[in-house]
Amino acid sequence: MPVGGVDSFGALQQLKGKKDGKSVKTVASEMEALFIEQMLKSMRQTVKPMFGKGLGGDVFMGMFDTELSREFAKRGLGLQDMIVKQLNMKNEIQGKNIETDEDV
């Protein structure tokens, strides 16, 4: 299950354009998870495959990297906070504070 409780890319698409705090934090958390997943994939390319070169090993490692990245994102690396802060600054300029869901 994704970090913010969103099960699919389609569900994330439904959050597009929403500026409430919960939606922004969910999207920021998923962005952090995607960043971590890409980092793990790049790191894995530098070492020998753990489970062979077959399709099964590739599929397993891909799913493992996805879940591992989500667990890392739950604990946070700080990227999520930075994304929310930047979006909050942008929305304050537009008249909405994400963290409090209040008009400025």
N, C-alpha and C. Protein backbone atom coordinates (compact mmCIF):
# COMPACT_ATOMS: atom_id res chain seq x y z
N MET A 1 0.84 -1.18 0.00
CA MET A 1 0.00 0.00 0.00
C MET A 1 0.89 1.24 0.00
N PRO A 2 0.59 2.20 -0.84
CA PRO A 2 1.39 3.41 -0.88
C PRO A 2 1.41 4.14 0.45
N VAL A 3 2.36 5.01 0.55
CA VAL A 3 2.63 5.72 1.80
C VAL A 3 1.41 6.47 2.32
N GLY A 4 0.79 7.24 1.49
CA GLY A 4 -0.30 8.08 1.94
C GLY A 4 -1.66 7.42 1.88
N GLY A 5 -1.73 6.13 1.66
CA GLY A 5 -3.00 5.43 1.58
C GLY A 5 -3.63 5.48 0.20
N VAL A 6 -2.88 5.86 -0.79
CA VAL A 6 -3.38 5.93 -2.16
C VAL A 6 -2.92 4.68 -2.89
N ASP A 7 -3.87 3.93 -3.50
CA ASP A 7 -3.54 2.63 -4.06
C ASP A 7 -3.06 2.64 -5.50
N SER A 8 -3.26 3.71 -6.22
CA SER A 8 -2.88 3.67 -7.63
C SER A 8 -2.52 5.05 -8.14
N PHE A 9 -1.89 5.04 -9.30
CA PHE A 9 -1.56 6.30 -9.95
C PHE A 9 -2.82 7.08 -10.27
N GLY A 10 -3.88 6.36 -10.63
CA GLY A 10 -5.16 7.01 -10.92
C GLY A 10 -5.70 7.77 -9.72
N ALA A 11 -5.53 7.20 -8.54
CA ALA A 11 -5.98 7.88 -7.33
C ALA A 11 -5.15 9.13 -7.07
N LEU A 12 -3.86 9.06 -7.39
CA LEU A 12 -3.02 10.26 -7.25
C LEU A 12 -3.46 11.33 -8.24
N GLN A 13 -3.88 10.91 -9.42
CA GLN A 13 -4.35 11.87 -10.43
C GLN A 13 -5.56 12.64 -9.91
N GLN A 14 -6.39 11.99 -9.08
CA GLN A 14 -7.56 12.67 -8.53
C GLN A 14 -7.18 13.79 -7.59
N LEU A 15 -5.98 13.72 -7.03
CA LEU A 15 -5.51 14.76 -6.12
C LEU A 15 -4.92 15.96 -6.86
N LYS A 16 -4.75 15.81 -8.17
CA LYS A 16 -4.15 16.88 -8.98
C LYS A 16 -4.95 18.17 -8.84
N GLY A 17 -4.24 19.23 -8.51
CA GLY A 17 -4.86 20.53 -8.38
C GLY A 17 -5.43 20.84 -7.01
N LYS A 18 -5.56 19.83 -6.15
CA LYS A 18 -6.08 20.08 -4.81
C LYS A 18 -5.00 20.73 -3.96
N LYS A 19 -5.40 21.65 -3.13
CA LYS A 19 -4.44 22.41 -2.34
C LYS A 19 -4.62 22.23 -0.85
N ASP A 20 -5.47 21.28 -0.43
CA ASP A 20 -5.63 21.07 1.00
C ASP A 20 -4.40 20.33 1.54
N GLY A 21 -4.14 20.48 2.82
CA GLY A 21 -2.93 19.95 3.45
C GLY A 21 -2.76 18.45 3.29
N LYS A 22 -3.84 17.70 3.46
CA LYS A 22 -3.76 16.24 3.38
C LYS A 22 -3.37 15.78 1.97
N SER A 23 -3.97 16.37 0.97
CA SER A 23 -3.66 16.01 -0.42
C SER A 23 -2.22 16.34 -0.77
N VAL A 24 -1.78 17.51 -0.37
CA VAL A 24 -0.40 17.93 -0.68
C VAL A 24 0.59 17.01 0.02
N LYS A 25 0.34 16.68 1.27
CA LYS A 25 1.24 15.79 2.01
C LYS A 25 1.26 14.38 1.41
N THR A 26 0.11 13.90 0.94
CA THR A 26 0.05 12.59 0.30
C THR A 26 0.88 12.57 -0.97
N VAL A 27 0.70 13.57 -1.80
CA VAL A 27 1.45 13.65 -3.05
C VAL A 27 2.95 13.83 -2.77
N ALA A 28 3.30 14.66 -1.79
CA ALA A 28 4.71 14.87 -1.44
C ALA A 28 5.34 13.57 -0.95
N SER A 29 4.60 12.80 -0.17
CA SER A 29 5.10 11.53 0.33
C SER A 29 5.33 10.54 -0.81
N GLU A 30 4.40 10.50 -1.75
CA GLU A 30 4.57 9.62 -2.91
C GLU A 30 5.73 10.07 -3.79
N MET A 31 5.92 11.39 -3.91
CA MET A 31 7.06 11.89 -4.68
C MET A 31 8.37 11.47 -4.02
N GLU A 32 8.43 11.53 -2.70
CA GLU A 32 9.62 11.10 -1.99
C GLU A 32 9.86 9.61 -2.21
N ALA A 33 8.79 8.81 -2.17
CA ALA A 33 8.91 7.37 -2.40
C ALA A 33 9.41 7.08 -3.82
N LEU A 34 8.90 7.82 -4.81
CA LEU A 34 9.36 7.63 -6.19
C LEU A 34 10.83 8.00 -6.35
N PHE A 35 11.24 9.07 -5.70
CA PHE A 35 12.64 9.48 -5.74
C PHE A 35 13.53 8.39 -5.14
N ILE A 36 13.13 7.87 -4.00
CA ILE A 36 13.91 6.82 -3.34
C ILE A 36 13.96 5.57 -4.20
N GLU A 37 12.83 5.22 -4.83
CA GLU A 37 12.79 4.04 -5.70
C GLU A 37 13.76 4.19 -6.87
N GLN A 38 13.80 5.35 -7.49
CA GLN A 38 14.73 5.57 -8.58
C GLN A 38 16.17 5.49 -8.10
N MET A 39 16.42 6.00 -6.92
CA MET A 39 17.76 5.94 -6.34
C MET A 39 18.16 4.48 -6.09
N LEU A 40 17.23 3.67 -5.56
CA LEU A 40 17.53 2.26 -5.32
C LEU A 40 17.79 1.51 -6.63
N LYS A 41 16.99 1.80 -7.65
CA LYS A 41 17.20 1.15 -8.95
C LYS A 41 18.56 1.49 -9.52
N SER A 42 18.96 2.74 -9.40
CA SER A 42 20.27 3.15 -9.89
C SER A 42 21.39 2.47 -9.10
N MET A 43 21.21 2.36 -7.82
CA MET A 43 22.21 1.70 -6.98
C MET A 43 22.32 0.22 -7.35
N ARG A 44 21.17 -0.42 -7.60
CA ARG A 44 21.18 -1.84 -7.94
C ARG A 44 21.87 -2.14 -9.26
N GLN A 45 21.86 -1.20 -10.17
CA GLN A 45 22.51 -1.39 -11.46
C GLN A 45 24.02 -1.46 -11.33
N THR A 46 24.55 -1.06 -10.20
CA THR A 46 26.00 -1.06 -10.02
C THR A 46 26.53 -2.35 -9.40
N VAL A 47 25.63 -3.27 -9.01
CA VAL A 47 26.05 -4.52 -8.39
C VAL A 47 25.48 -5.71 -9.16
N LYS A 48 26.03 -6.90 -8.88
CA LYS A 48 25.53 -8.11 -9.52
C LYS A 48 24.13 -8.42 -9.00
N PRO A 49 23.27 -9.00 -9.87
CA PRO A 49 21.92 -9.36 -9.43
C PRO A 49 21.95 -10.38 -8.28
N MET A 50 21.10 -10.16 -7.29
CA MET A 50 21.04 -11.05 -6.14
C MET A 50 20.32 -12.35 -6.45
N PHE A 51 19.33 -12.28 -7.35
CA PHE A 51 18.50 -13.44 -7.63
C PHE A 51 18.61 -13.90 -9.07
N GLY A 52 19.74 -13.74 -9.68
CA GLY A 52 19.93 -14.17 -11.05
C GLY A 52 19.46 -13.12 -12.04
N LYS A 53 19.60 -13.45 -13.32
CA LYS A 53 19.26 -12.49 -14.37
C LYS A 53 17.90 -12.78 -15.01
N GLY A 54 17.14 -13.69 -14.46
CA GLY A 54 15.85 -14.05 -15.05
C GLY A 54 14.77 -13.03 -14.76
N LEU A 55 13.64 -13.24 -15.43
CA LEU A 55 12.50 -12.36 -15.28
C LEU A 55 11.99 -12.36 -13.84
N GLY A 56 11.95 -13.53 -13.22
CA GLY A 56 11.47 -13.63 -11.84
C GLY A 56 12.28 -12.79 -10.88
N GLY A 57 13.60 -12.85 -11.02
CA GLY A 57 14.47 -12.04 -10.16
C GLY A 57 14.28 -10.57 -10.39
N ASP A 58 14.10 -10.16 -11.65
CA ASP A 58 13.90 -8.75 -11.98
C ASP A 58 12.57 -8.23 -11.41
N VAL A 59 11.53 -9.06 -11.55
CA VAL A 59 10.22 -8.66 -11.04
C VAL A 59 10.27 -8.55 -9.52
N PHE A 60 10.87 -9.54 -8.87
CA PHE A 60 10.97 -9.52 -7.41
C PHE A 60 11.73 -8.30 -6.93
N MET A 61 12.88 -8.01 -7.54
CA MET A 61 13.68 -6.87 -7.09
C MET A 61 12.95 -5.56 -7.35
N GLY A 62 12.20 -5.47 -8.44
CA GLY A 62 11.42 -4.26 -8.71
C GLY A 62 10.36 -4.03 -7.64
N MET A 63 9.64 -5.10 -7.30
CA MET A 63 8.62 -4.98 -6.25
C MET A 63 9.26 -4.70 -4.89
N PHE A 64 10.39 -5.34 -4.63
CA PHE A 64 11.10 -5.12 -3.38
C PHE A 64 11.55 -3.66 -3.26
N ASP A 65 12.11 -3.12 -4.34
CA ASP A 65 12.54 -1.72 -4.34
C ASP A 65 11.37 -0.77 -4.10
N THR A 66 10.22 -1.07 -4.71
CA THR A 66 9.03 -0.24 -4.53
C THR A 66 8.61 -0.21 -3.07
N GLU A 67 8.51 -1.39 -2.46
CA GLU A 67 8.08 -1.45 -1.06
C GLU A 67 9.13 -0.86 -0.13
N LEU A 68 10.39 -1.10 -0.42
CA LEU A 68 11.46 -0.54 0.41
C LEU A 68 11.44 0.99 0.34
N SER A 69 11.20 1.53 -0.84
CA SER A 69 11.15 2.98 -0.99
C SER A 69 9.98 3.56 -0.22
N ARG A 70 8.86 2.87 -0.19
CA ARG A 70 7.70 3.35 0.56
C ARG A 70 7.97 3.32 2.06
N GLU A 71 8.67 2.31 2.52
CA GLU A 71 9.03 2.26 3.95
C GLU A 71 9.99 3.38 4.31
N PHE A 72 10.97 3.64 3.45
CA PHE A 72 11.89 4.76 3.68
C PHE A 72 11.11 6.08 3.72
N ALA A 73 10.16 6.23 2.80
CA ALA A 73 9.39 7.48 2.73
C ALA A 73 8.52 7.66 3.97
N LYS A 74 8.01 6.56 4.54
CA LYS A 74 7.22 6.67 5.77
C LYS A 74 8.06 7.28 6.88
N ARG A 75 9.30 6.86 6.97
CA ARG A 75 10.21 7.40 7.99
C ARG A 75 10.70 8.79 7.60
N GLY A 76 10.76 9.02 6.31
CA GLY A 76 11.11 10.33 5.79
C GLY A 76 12.60 10.57 5.69
N LEU A 77 12.97 11.16 4.58
CA LEU A 77 14.35 11.58 4.36
C LEU A 77 14.45 13.10 4.39
N GLY A 78 13.32 13.76 4.50
CA GLY A 78 13.30 15.22 4.51
C GLY A 78 12.81 15.82 3.20
N LEU A 79 12.78 15.02 2.15
CA LEU A 79 12.34 15.54 0.85
C LEU A 79 10.86 15.93 0.89
N GLN A 80 10.05 15.12 1.55
CA GLN A 80 8.62 15.40 1.65
C GLN A 80 8.39 16.76 2.31
N ASP A 81 9.10 17.03 3.39
CA ASP A 81 8.94 18.31 4.08
C ASP A 81 9.34 19.48 3.19
N MET A 82 10.39 19.29 2.40
CA MET A 82 10.83 20.35 1.50
C MET A 82 9.81 20.60 0.39
N ILE A 83 9.20 19.53 -0.13
CA ILE A 83 8.18 19.68 -1.17
C ILE A 83 6.97 20.43 -0.61
N VAL A 84 6.52 20.03 0.57
CA VAL A 84 5.37 20.70 1.19
C VAL A 84 5.69 22.17 1.46
N LYS A 85 6.89 22.44 1.93
CA LYS A 85 7.29 23.83 2.22
C LYS A 85 7.27 24.67 0.95
N GLN A 86 7.81 24.13 -0.14
CA GLN A 86 7.82 24.87 -1.40
C GLN A 86 6.41 25.11 -1.92
N LEU A 87 5.56 24.08 -1.84
CA LEU A 87 4.18 24.25 -2.29
C LEU A 87 3.44 25.23 -1.39
N ASN A 88 3.75 25.20 -0.10
CA ASN A 88 3.12 26.14 0.82
C ASN A 88 3.51 27.58 0.47
N MET A 89 4.78 27.79 0.16
CA MET A 89 5.22 29.14 -0.23
C MET A 89 4.51 29.59 -1.50
N LYS A 90 4.39 28.67 -2.46
CA LYS A 90 3.72 29.00 -3.73
C LYS A 90 2.25 29.34 -3.47
N ASN A 91 1.60 28.54 -2.64
CA ASN A 91 0.18 28.76 -2.38
C ASN A 91 -0.08 29.97 -1.50
N GLU A 92 0.88 30.34 -0.65
CA GLU A 92 0.73 31.57 0.13
C GLU A 92 0.71 32.77 -0.79
N ILE A 93 1.52 32.71 -1.83
CA ILE A 93 1.52 33.78 -2.82
C ILE A 93 0.16 33.85 -3.50
N GLN A 94 -0.44 32.66 -3.71
CA GLN A 94 -1.75 32.60 -4.35
C GLN A 94 -2.89 32.75 -3.35
N GLY A 95 -2.58 32.85 -2.05
CA GLY A 95 -3.61 33.13 -1.05
C GLY A 95 -4.11 31.93 -0.28
N LYS A 96 -3.37 30.83 -0.21
CA LYS A 96 -3.83 29.64 0.53
C LYS A 96 -2.65 29.05 1.28
N ASN A 97 -2.84 28.75 2.58
CA ASN A 97 -1.81 28.13 3.41
C ASN A 97 -2.11 26.64 3.51
N ILE A 98 -1.22 25.78 2.98
CA ILE A 98 -1.43 24.34 2.95
C ILE A 98 -1.47 23.74 4.36
N GLU A 99 -0.56 24.15 5.21
CA GLU A 99 -0.43 23.52 6.52
C GLU A 99 -1.65 23.74 7.39
N THR A 100 -2.33 24.86 7.23
CA THR A 100 -3.50 25.17 8.07
C THR A 100 -4.81 25.08 7.31
N ASP A 101 -4.76 24.92 6.00
CA ASP A 101 -5.94 24.89 5.14
C ASP A 101 -6.78 26.17 5.26
N GLU A 102 -6.12 27.27 5.58
CA GLU A 102 -6.82 28.54 5.73
C GLU A 102 -6.40 29.50 4.63
N ASP A 103 -7.32 30.39 4.30
CA ASP A 103 -6.97 31.47 3.37
C ASP A 103 -6.07 32.44 4.10
N VAL A 104 -5.10 32.97 3.38
CA VAL A 104 -4.14 33.91 3.97
C VAL A 104 -4.70 35.31 3.89
